[in-house]
Amino acid sequence: MADGWHVKDDRRAFVLQNTNGHKWGARTDPKVPSDDNRTNDETAERVAGQIAGLWDQLLQEVTQLDRVVIYLGSRGCERAIALAGQLPASKVMFVGCDCGLPIKEALVQVAGLGKARRLLCECGGHATMQKLYKNFLNTGSLSQE
């Protein structure tokens, strides 16, 4: 799905993704180097840059959003959580797998988001995020059913 606003009936969802050539876990753009050939520092720096750009886009729309759903992956979640700390916990929902869960949870607490909703998902989160998105547009609920 494309980034930007998606509308169905009276429901609107604003989508931002940092997939950069990935489609549901498969690389589709040969011009984007694989993380397999990068050092951890290079990968972390690239992800941090993506998150900063996405955050800037989100801030332009955040006043129109009731909830912000943020996927916490194994890379870049530290920065995503720190940025989310600028929002009220009642507006934030974190979706993430259990990889590094104690660290993610500690960072959420430090950011003052202990009351933010959390949802565990599969590694990568693609299926869960897609279910949340589709269910929201169909029913207005942020659940997976």
Protein backbone atom coordinates (compact mmCIF):
# COMPACT_ATOMS: atom_id res chain seq x y z
CA MET A 1 0.00 0.00 0.00
CA ALA A 2 1.14 3.52 -0.67
CA ASP A 3 2.12 6.05 1.95
CA GLY A 4 -0.34 8.86 2.60
CA TRP A 5 -4.02 9.13 3.39
CA HIS A 6 -6.35 6.19 2.74
CA VAL A 7 -10.11 6.73 2.97
CA LYS A 8 -13.04 4.33 3.28
CA ASP A 9 -16.50 5.64 4.11
CA ASP A 10 -16.02 8.03 7.06
CA ARG A 11 -12.69 6.53 8.19
CA ARG A 12 -9.26 7.87 7.24
CA ALA A 13 -5.89 6.28 7.90
CA PHE A 14 -2.53 7.95 7.36
CA VAL A 15 0.16 5.41 6.42
CA LEU A 16 3.93 5.87 6.61
CA GLN A 17 6.35 3.00 6.06
CA ASN A 18 10.13 2.73 6.10
CA THR A 19 10.24 -0.29 3.83
CA ASN A 20 12.61 1.30 1.26
CA GLY A 21 12.32 -1.34 -1.42
CA HIS A 22 10.87 -4.08 0.76
CA LYS A 23 7.40 -5.42 0.03
CA TRP A 24 6.14 -7.73 2.75
CA GLY A 25 9.66 -8.78 3.59
CA ALA A 26 11.00 -9.27 0.05
CA ARG A 27 13.44 -6.86 -1.59
CA THR A 28 12.00 -5.45 -4.80
CA ASP A 29 14.46 -2.67 -5.60
CA PRO A 30 17.92 -3.91 -6.62
CA LYS A 31 19.31 -0.37 -6.24
CA VAL A 32 18.77 -0.50 -2.46
CA PRO A 33 21.72 -2.28 -0.84
CA SER A 34 20.90 -5.28 1.30
CA ASP A 35 21.40 -4.98 5.04
CA ASP A 36 23.38 -8.22 4.77
CA ASN A 37 26.28 -6.24 3.25
CA ARG A 38 26.25 -3.41 5.81
CA THR A 39 27.80 -3.03 9.22
CA ASN A 40 25.49 -2.63 12.20
CA ASP A 41 26.48 1.06 12.45
CA GLU A 42 25.65 1.68 8.77
CA THR A 43 22.30 -0.07 9.11
CA ALA A 44 21.44 1.77 12.34
CA GLU A 45 22.38 5.11 10.77
CA ARG A 46 20.23 4.41 7.69
CA VAL A 47 17.24 3.36 9.79
CA ALA A 48 17.61 6.39 12.08
CA GLY A 49 17.58 8.64 9.01
CA GLN A 50 14.45 6.94 7.68
CA ILE A 51 12.70 7.30 11.03
CA ALA A 52 13.58 10.99 11.27
CA GLY A 53 12.14 11.64 7.81
CA LEU A 54 8.98 9.70 8.57
CA TRP A 55 8.58 11.50 11.89
CA ASP A 56 8.77 14.87 10.13
CA GLN A 57 5.99 13.74 7.77
CA LEU A 58 3.92 12.43 10.68
CA LEU A 59 4.22 15.71 12.60
CA GLN A 60 2.58 17.49 9.65
CA GLU A 61 -0.52 15.28 10.06
CA VAL A 62 -0.54 14.35 13.77
CA THR A 63 -3.21 16.85 14.78
CA GLN A 64 -5.63 15.05 12.45
CA LEU A 65 -4.92 11.63 14.02
CA ASP A 66 -6.70 10.04 16.97
CA ARG A 67 -4.07 7.29 17.31
CA VAL A 68 -0.54 6.74 16.09
CA VAL A 69 0.38 3.06 15.60
CA ILE A 70 4.13 2.51 15.62
CA TYR A 71 5.84 -0.76 14.74
CA LEU A 72 8.87 -1.51 16.93
CA GLY A 73 11.28 -3.70 15.03
CA SER A 74 14.70 -4.91 15.99
CA ARG A 75 16.39 -1.91 14.33
CA GLY A 76 15.59 1.71 14.98
CA CYS A 77 13.02 1.18 17.71
CA GLU A 78 15.04 3.26 20.17
CA ARG A 79 14.62 6.39 18.07
CA ALA A 80 10.98 5.63 17.24
CA ILE A 81 10.15 5.28 20.94
CA ALA A 82 12.04 8.47 21.85
CA LEU A 83 10.16 10.43 19.18
CA ALA A 84 6.83 8.92 20.23
CA GLY A 85 7.56 10.31 23.69
CA GLN A 86 6.56 13.71 22.27
CA LEU A 87 2.96 12.44 22.06
CA PRO A 88 0.52 11.68 24.85
CA ALA A 89 0.50 7.96 25.76
CA SER A 90 -3.25 7.85 25.09
CA LYS A 91 -2.53 8.60 21.41
CA VAL A 92 0.18 5.92 20.95
CA MET A 93 -0.09 2.22 20.19
CA PHE A 94 3.08 0.15 19.83
CA VAL A 95 3.13 -3.02 17.75
CA GLY A 96 6.20 -5.23 17.97
CA CYS A 97 7.58 -8.72 18.20
CA ASP A 98 9.18 -10.11 21.34
CA CYS A 99 12.74 -9.73 19.99
CA GLY A 100 14.48 -7.53 22.55
CA LEU A 101 11.20 -7.03 24.37
CA PRO A 102 12.71 -6.13 27.78
CA ILE A 103 14.77 -3.36 26.17
CA LYS A 104 11.78 -2.07 24.17
CA GLU A 105 9.65 -2.06 27.31
CA ALA A 106 12.31 -0.20 29.32
CA LEU A 107 12.60 2.43 26.58
CA VAL A 108 8.82 2.85 26.50
CA GLN A 109 8.85 3.47 30.25
CA VAL A 110 11.75 5.95 30.04
CA ALA A 111 9.89 7.84 27.28
CA GLY A 112 6.94 8.25 29.65
CA LEU A 113 4.70 6.03 27.54
CA GLY A 114 3.98 3.30 30.09
CA LYS A 115 0.24 3.73 29.54
CA ALA A 116 0.49 3.42 25.74
CA ARG A 117 -1.30 0.40 24.29
CA ARG A 118 0.96 -2.48 23.17
CA LEU A 119 0.34 -5.38 20.85
CA LEU A 120 2.72 -8.31 20.34
CA CYS A 121 3.06 -9.57 16.79
CA GLU A 122 5.14 -11.76 14.52
CA CYS A 123 8.70 -10.74 13.62
CA GLY A 124 8.53 -8.06 10.94
CA GLY A 125 4.96 -7.17 11.85
CA HIS A 126 3.72 -7.03 8.27
CA ALA A 127 0.71 -9.31 8.72
CA THR A 128 -0.38 -7.69 11.98
CA MET A 129 0.01 -4.14 10.69
CA GLN A 130 -1.95 -5.02 7.57
CA LYS A 131 -4.74 -6.60 9.66
CA LEU A 132 -4.89 -3.53 11.89
CA TYR A 133 -5.04 -1.24 8.86
CA LYS A 134 -7.75 -3.23 7.07
CA ASN A 135 -9.84 -3.67 10.20
CA PHE A 136 -9.63 0.02 10.99
CA LEU A 137 -10.79 1.03 7.52
CA ASN A 138 -13.59 -1.56 7.60
CA THR A 139 -14.84 -1.10 11.19
CA GLY A 140 -13.07 1.87 12.79
CA SER A 141 -11.47 -0.42 15.40
CA LEU A 142 -7.75 -0.91 16.01
CA SER A 143 -8.00 -4.62 16.63
CA GLN A 144 -6.93 -7.58 14.52
CA GLU A 145 -10.36 -9.20 14.26
